[in-house]
Protein backbone atom coordinates (compact mmCIF):
# COMPACT_ATOMS: atom_id res chain seq x y z
CA MET A 1 154.32 52.16 49.09
CA ASN A 2 151.35 54.50 49.23
CA ALA A 3 152.08 57.17 51.85
CA LEU A 4 148.48 57.30 53.07
CA LEU A 5 148.29 53.58 53.78
CA GLU A 6 151.77 53.53 55.27
CA ASN A 7 151.43 56.52 57.58
CA TRP A 8 147.74 56.42 58.48
CA HIS A 9 147.34 55.77 62.21
CA PRO A 10 143.75 55.49 63.55
CA GLU A 11 144.88 56.61 67.01
CA PHE A 12 145.55 60.16 65.83
CA HIS A 13 143.12 62.56 67.53
CA ARG A 14 141.67 59.72 69.60
CA ASP A 15 142.33 61.80 72.70
CA SER A 16 139.86 64.36 71.41
CA LYS A 17 136.19 64.08 72.32
CA THR A 18 135.18 66.26 69.39
CA GLU A 19 133.04 64.34 66.94
CA LEU A 20 132.44 67.14 64.43
CA SER A 21 134.52 70.15 63.39
CA VAL A 22 133.17 72.83 61.09
CA VAL A 23 135.91 74.80 59.31
CA ILE A 24 134.96 78.23 57.99
CA PRO A 25 137.46 80.55 56.24
CA LEU A 26 136.60 84.24 56.53
CA TYR A 27 137.79 87.32 54.67
CA ASN A 28 135.97 90.59 55.35
CA GLU A 29 132.74 88.86 56.43
CA HIS A 30 131.84 91.14 59.33
CA GLU A 31 128.28 91.65 58.08
CA VAL A 32 127.35 87.97 58.18
CA ILE A 33 129.51 86.37 60.88
CA VAL A 34 127.05 86.74 63.77
CA GLN A 35 124.11 85.50 61.69
CA MET A 36 126.23 82.60 60.48
CA HIS A 37 127.19 81.64 64.03
CA GLU A 38 123.59 81.73 65.29
CA ARG A 39 122.19 79.68 62.43
CA LEU A 40 125.02 77.15 62.48
CA THR A 41 124.91 76.74 66.24
CA ALA A 42 121.17 76.11 66.15
CA VAL A 43 121.76 73.17 63.80
CA LEU A 44 124.76 71.75 65.66
CA VAL A 45 123.16 71.86 69.11
CA ASN A 46 120.27 69.76 67.88
CA LEU A 47 122.69 67.04 66.77
CA GLY A 48 123.52 66.26 70.39
CA ILE A 49 127.20 65.54 69.67
CA PRO A 50 130.44 67.27 70.74
CA TYR A 51 131.40 69.80 68.08
CA GLU A 52 133.69 72.75 67.43
CA LEU A 53 133.72 75.70 65.06
CA VAL A 54 137.12 76.51 63.58
CA LEU A 55 136.96 80.06 62.21
CA VAL A 56 140.00 81.09 60.15
CA ASP A 57 140.57 84.79 59.51
CA ASP A 58 142.50 85.24 56.27
CA GLY A 59 143.85 88.71 57.00
CA SER A 60 140.51 90.55 57.06
CA ARG A 61 140.58 94.35 57.06
CA ASP A 62 137.12 95.00 58.48
CA GLY A 63 135.60 94.01 61.83
CA THR A 64 135.85 90.26 61.22
CA PRO A 65 138.81 89.62 63.59
CA HIS A 66 137.10 91.51 66.42
CA ALA A 67 133.84 89.61 65.88
CA MET A 68 135.73 86.31 65.85
CA SER A 69 137.45 87.17 69.14
CA GLU A 70 134.11 87.98 70.75
CA LEU A 71 132.63 84.69 69.56
CA ALA A 72 135.64 82.80 70.96
CA GLN A 73 135.09 84.50 74.34
CA GLU A 74 131.36 83.82 74.43
CA ASP A 75 131.20 80.33 72.89
CA PRO A 76 133.63 77.64 74.15
CA ALA A 77 133.01 75.65 70.95
CA VAL A 78 134.66 78.36 68.83
CA THR A 79 138.34 78.26 67.92
CA ALA A 80 139.51 81.46 66.22
CA VAL A 81 142.61 81.13 64.04
CA PHE A 82 144.17 84.39 62.83
CA LEU A 83 146.59 84.23 59.91
CA SER A 84 149.38 86.80 59.82
CA ARG A 85 148.13 88.25 56.51
CA ASN A 86 145.92 87.40 53.54
CA PHE A 87 147.28 84.14 52.11
CA GLY A 88 144.21 83.24 50.06
CA LYS A 89 141.27 80.93 50.60
CA GLU A 90 143.18 77.74 49.75
CA ALA A 91 145.73 78.50 52.48
CA ALA A 92 142.96 79.40 54.94
CA LEU A 93 141.27 76.06 54.26
CA THR A 94 144.59 74.32 54.86
CA ALA A 95 144.95 76.14 58.18
CA GLY A 96 141.44 75.15 59.21
CA LEU A 97 142.03 71.49 58.44
CA GLU A 98 145.30 71.58 60.38
CA HIS A 99 143.53 72.96 63.47
CA ALA A 100 140.37 70.81 63.29
CA ALA A 101 140.23 67.92 65.77
CA GLY A 102 136.89 66.30 64.95
CA ASP A 103 136.31 62.77 63.74
CA ALA A 104 134.47 64.38 60.84
CA VAL A 105 135.28 67.82 59.40
CA ILE A 106 132.83 69.93 57.40
CA ILE A 107 134.06 72.81 55.26
CA MET A 108 131.67 75.61 54.41
CA ASP A 109 131.65 79.31 53.55
CA ALA A 110 130.57 82.01 55.95
CA ASP A 111 128.03 83.62 53.61
CA LEU A 112 125.35 80.93 54.27
CA GLN A 113 125.01 80.12 50.59
CA ASP A 114 125.68 76.57 51.75
CA PRO A 115 122.75 75.77 54.09
CA PRO A 116 123.88 74.48 57.52
CA GLU A 117 120.61 72.53 57.68
CA LEU A 118 122.18 69.96 55.34
CA ILE A 119 124.79 68.96 57.93
CA PRO A 120 122.71 66.08 59.42
CA LYS A 121 122.36 64.58 55.93
CA MET A 122 126.12 64.84 55.42
CA LEU A 123 126.82 63.16 58.75
CA GLN A 124 124.47 60.33 57.85
CA ALA A 125 126.40 59.68 54.63
CA TRP A 126 129.65 59.69 56.62
CA LYS A 127 128.30 57.19 59.14
CA GLU A 128 127.30 54.95 56.23
CA GLY A 129 130.94 54.69 55.17
CA ALA A 130 131.83 57.71 53.02
CA ASP A 131 135.18 59.38 53.73
CA VAL A 132 134.29 62.35 51.54
CA VAL A 133 130.79 63.79 51.14
CA CYS A 134 130.65 66.27 48.24
CA MET A 135 127.77 68.70 47.95
CA ARG A 136 126.88 69.20 44.29
CA ARG A 137 125.09 72.42 43.41
CA ARG A 138 121.85 71.66 41.58
CA SER A 139 121.07 75.36 41.24
CA ARG A 140 122.98 78.54 42.14
CA ALA A 141 120.66 81.34 43.24
CA GLY A 142 121.97 84.88 43.36
CA GLU A 143 124.71 84.35 40.75
CA THR A 144 124.95 85.78 37.24
CA TRP A 145 124.34 83.62 34.19
CA LEU A 146 127.95 84.21 33.10
CA LYS A 147 129.34 82.85 36.36
CA ARG A 148 127.05 79.81 36.25
CA LEU A 149 127.90 79.11 32.60
CA SER A 150 131.65 79.54 33.04
CA ALA A 151 131.71 77.36 36.18
CA HIS A 152 129.70 74.65 34.42
CA HIS A 153 132.12 74.46 31.49
CA PHE A 154 135.26 74.86 33.60
CA TYR A 155 134.68 71.65 35.54
CA ARG A 156 134.04 69.73 32.33
CA VAL A 157 137.22 71.06 30.71
CA LEU A 158 139.28 70.35 33.83
CA ASN A 159 138.02 66.76 34.03
CA ALA A 160 138.69 66.27 30.31
CA ILE A 161 142.39 67.20 30.58
CA SER A 162 143.14 65.98 34.11
CA ASP A 163 143.93 62.49 35.35
CA VAL A 164 141.95 63.22 38.52
CA ASP A 165 138.17 62.91 38.40
CA ILE A 166 136.97 66.08 40.12
CA PRO A 167 133.20 66.01 40.82
CA PRO A 168 131.61 68.74 38.66
CA ASP A 169 129.57 71.61 40.09
CA THR A 170 130.97 71.11 43.60
CA GLY A 171 132.55 73.82 45.71
CA ASP A 172 134.32 73.65 49.04
CA PHE A 173 131.14 72.64 50.90
CA ARG A 174 131.87 69.03 51.86
CA LEU A 175 132.54 66.61 54.71
CA LEU A 176 135.87 64.87 55.26
CA SER A 177 136.48 61.96 57.58
CA ARG A 178 139.46 62.04 59.93
CA LYS A 179 141.26 59.68 57.55
CA ALA A 180 140.61 62.05 54.63
CA VAL A 181 141.80 65.06 56.65
CA TYR A 182 145.00 63.26 57.56
CA ALA A 183 145.54 62.42 53.88
CA ILE A 184 145.06 66.07 52.85
CA ASN A 185 147.42 67.26 55.58
CA GLN A 186 150.16 65.06 54.14
CA LEU A 187 150.11 67.00 50.87
CA ASN A 188 152.64 69.78 51.45
CA GLU A 189 152.58 71.45 48.04
CA ARG A 190 152.52 75.25 48.08
CA ASN A 191 150.38 75.82 44.97
CA ARG A 192 147.14 74.39 46.30
CA TYR A 193 143.88 73.86 44.48
CA MET A 194 141.84 72.28 47.25
CA LYS A 195 138.98 70.92 45.13
CA GLY A 196 141.52 68.94 43.16
CA LEU A 197 143.34 67.76 46.28
CA PHE A 198 140.08 66.55 47.81
CA ALA A 199 139.54 64.40 44.72
CA TRP A 200 143.19 63.31 44.41
CA ILE A 201 143.20 61.32 47.66
CA GLY A 202 140.69 58.94 46.08
CA LEU A 203 138.84 57.81 49.21
CA PRO A 204 135.19 56.60 49.08
CA THR A 205 133.05 59.55 48.07
CA THR A 206 129.32 60.25 48.23
CA VAL A 207 127.72 63.09 46.26
CA ILE A 208 124.62 64.89 47.56
CA GLU A 209 122.79 67.44 45.43
CA TYR A 210 121.40 70.67 46.90
CA ASP A 211 120.18 74.11 45.90
CA ARG A 212 122.63 76.89 46.70
CA MET A 213 121.14 79.98 48.33
CA PRO A 214 121.97 83.67 47.78
CA ARG A 215 124.36 85.35 50.20
CA ALA A 216 122.75 86.13 53.55
CA ALA A 217 124.66 89.42 53.82
CA GLY A 218 127.67 91.23 52.43
CA VAL A 219 129.14 90.96 48.95
CA THR A 220 131.28 88.33 47.30
CA LYS A 221 135.05 88.80 47.46
CA TRP A 222 135.59 86.96 44.18
CA ASP A 223 135.70 89.03 40.99
CA TYR A 224 136.04 87.53 37.54
CA MET A 225 139.82 88.01 37.48
CA GLY A 226 140.11 86.16 40.79
CA LEU A 227 137.95 83.32 39.51
CA LEU A 228 139.96 83.18 36.28
CA ASN A 229 143.18 82.98 38.26
CA LEU A 230 141.73 80.18 40.43
CA ALA A 231 140.63 78.29 37.32
CA PHE A 232 144.09 78.61 35.77
CA GLN A 233 145.60 77.46 39.06
CA GLY A 234 143.40 74.37 39.00
CA ILE A 235 144.27 73.52 35.39
CA THR A 236 148.03 73.96 35.78
CA SER A 237 148.08 72.13 39.13
CA PHE A 238 146.41 68.98 37.84
CA SER A 239 147.30 68.77 34.17
CA ILE A 240 150.18 69.29 31.76
CA ALA A 241 147.75 69.30 28.84
CA PRO A 242 148.35 73.05 28.19
CA LEU A 243 152.04 72.30 27.58
CA ARG A 244 151.14 69.54 25.15
CA LEU A 245 148.66 71.79 23.39
CA ALA A 246 151.36 74.46 23.07
CA MET A 247 153.71 71.89 21.56
CA ALA A 248 151.01 70.74 19.15
CA ALA A 249 150.29 74.34 18.15
CA GLY A 250 154.01 74.85 17.56
CA LEU A 251 154.18 71.79 15.32
CA VAL A 252 151.16 72.91 13.31
CA THR A 253 152.55 76.44 12.96
CA ALA A 254 155.96 75.10 11.88
CA LEU A 255 154.31 72.81 9.32
CA PHE A 256 152.28 75.70 7.97
CA GLY A 257 155.46 77.80 7.72
CA ILE A 258 157.28 75.06 5.78
CA LEU A 259 154.40 74.60 3.35
CA PHE A 260 154.11 78.35 2.85
CA THR A 261 157.84 78.61 2.19
CA LEU A 262 157.67 75.81 -0.38
CA TRP A 263 154.76 77.56 -2.08
CA ILE A 264 156.75 80.78 -2.37
CA VAL A 265 159.79 78.94 -3.80
CA VAL A 266 157.70 76.96 -6.32
CA LYS A 267 155.82 80.07 -7.35
CA ALA A 268 159.08 81.95 -7.94
CA LEU A 269 160.86 79.14 -9.83
CA VAL A 270 157.99 77.70 -11.87
CA LEU A 271 155.78 80.68 -12.52
CA GLY A 272 158.61 83.17 -12.58
CA ASP A 273 156.94 85.61 -10.20
CA PRO A 274 159.30 87.76 -8.20
CA VAL A 275 159.25 87.18 -4.45
CA GLN A 276 157.56 90.29 -3.17
CA GLY A 277 156.25 88.90 0.08
CA TYR A 278 156.34 91.87 2.45
CA PRO A 279 152.72 91.49 3.74
CA SER A 280 153.02 87.71 3.96
CA LEU A 281 156.39 88.00 5.70
CA ILE A 282 155.01 90.35 8.33
CA SER A 283 152.01 88.09 8.84
CA MET A 284 154.22 85.04 9.35
CA ILE A 285 156.47 86.89 11.79
CA THR A 286 153.44 88.05 13.77
CA ILE A 287 151.91 84.57 13.89
CA LEU A 288 155.15 82.86 14.85
CA GLY A 289 156.06 85.54 17.38
CA GLY A 290 152.67 85.31 19.06
CA ALA A 291 152.80 81.52 19.20
CA GLN A 292 156.31 81.62 20.67
CA LEU A 293 155.42 84.19 23.33
CA LEU A 294 152.31 82.24 24.30
CA SER A 295 154.28 79.02 24.60
CA ILE A 296 157.07 80.69 26.59
CA GLY A 297 154.53 82.28 28.94
CA LEU A 298 152.80 78.96 29.49
CA LEU A 299 156.11 77.23 30.12
CA GLY A 300 157.03 80.03 32.52
CA GLU A 301 153.86 79.42 34.53
CA TYR A 302 154.90 75.84 35.20
CA ILE A 303 158.49 76.85 35.93
CA GLY A 304 157.18 79.48 38.33
CA LYS A 305 155.24 76.82 40.22
CA THR A 306 158.41 74.77 40.52
CA TYR A 307 160.25 77.88 41.74
CA TYR A 308 157.75 78.46 44.55
CA GLU A 309 157.75 74.79 45.50
CA ALA A 310 161.56 74.78 45.68
CA LYS A 311 161.54 77.61 48.24
CA GLN A 312 159.73 75.36 50.72
CA ARG A 313 157.95 78.25 52.40
CA PRO A 314 155.05 77.31 54.69
CA VAL A 315 151.58 77.49 53.18
CA TYR A 316 150.51 80.02 55.82
CA LEU A 317 151.63 81.67 59.06
CA VAL A 318 149.47 81.94 62.16
CA ARG A 319 149.44 85.15 64.16
CA ASP A 320 147.29 83.85 66.99
CA VAL A 321 144.87 81.09 67.97
CA VAL A 322 142.14 81.95 70.47
CA ARG A 323 140.00 79.44 72.37
CA GLN A 324 137.62 80.34 75.19
CA GLY A 325 138.86 83.91 75.06
CA LYS A 326 142.52 82.94 75.65
CA SER A 327 145.45 82.99 73.27
CA VAL A 328 146.78 79.49 72.66
CA GLU A 329 150.53 79.27 72.12
CA LYS A 330 151.89 76.65 69.75
CA ALA A 331 154.87 74.79 71.15
CA ALA A 332 156.15 73.53 67.80
CA ALA A 333 155.83 74.46 64.17
CA CYS A 334 154.41 71.13 63.05
CA SER A 335 150.97 69.64 62.73
CA ALA A 336 149.63 67.04 65.12
CA SER A 337 148.43 64.98 62.18
CA ALA A 338 151.50 65.45 59.98
CA PRO A 339 154.80 63.56 60.12
CA VAL A 340 157.03 64.89 62.88
CA GLY A 341 159.35 67.61 61.75
CA LYS A 342 157.30 68.81 58.79
CA GLU A 343 156.95 72.59 59.16
CA LEU A 344 153.47 73.55 58.14
CA TYR A 345 152.86 76.69 60.11
CA ALA A 346 154.47 79.03 62.58
CA THR A 347 153.25 81.53 65.13
CA PHE A 348 154.47 84.95 66.14
């Protein structure tokens, strides 16, 4: 039976009066965190509903942790979650969803490229029945043409080879209902590509288009190698098409080798030419060797994922959680919304 339908209990988090949680992962965002808090709070206060801000520090090395602690002391709506080290954005998002208590949870970046002023529109779509509200980027100001072009084609390629329909041109900026959050928290895989997981749960989804703004302050922490690694993570997490392509390439290469061998034999027997073949032999060895190494490397990537999953390490570790200026101790290493006994995080 489907685990979501079997284990979903509407009473989870019913003791909480929080209607909206906003989850924001941060990594070296000291320059923008105060501006982000002021602008976001101005929007949330006007909603007239109970809300919370869940700020997750992903092992920042600048003044971000100190700024988060100050915000938690000054604003009772702020929950500051400090991871023990840098686990990556996907792990930080997982931590934020685990600590969010709202009936609806909005995920957004700290750099204000995703305008907080769109939150009322997202809440309206949620109240109309959507469990997931995706924000599709109509334009991407402040980004290079190469990044826009590569992102555009990546989503199309991923959807073409994956069984999961991932909305194109959408980032992490989205709203999740409590039911959707509970579904995501049930997925305990270690190699996490959150955009794919958001689509995998398959709950009713509404897409809203918007224009993405330039960063309000600071610089992006994503270089092209990081984005390439994230793209490869997404492809290998939601498709085995690369393995099938490698097998197809191997079959084509083997067929070419057989035909080439037959040509050499026929040429030697029929035409009487001696088999010289040194350049062609070296070329064949190079082609076959490259194809084999590529296939082995691709196979190793999938085996490596299995290796990390088999270790059953937690997705992240929490160093401290601060609310209203006080450190909050966790009594157990399991999530309130996850099945009892599932270790998802620990504290020191």
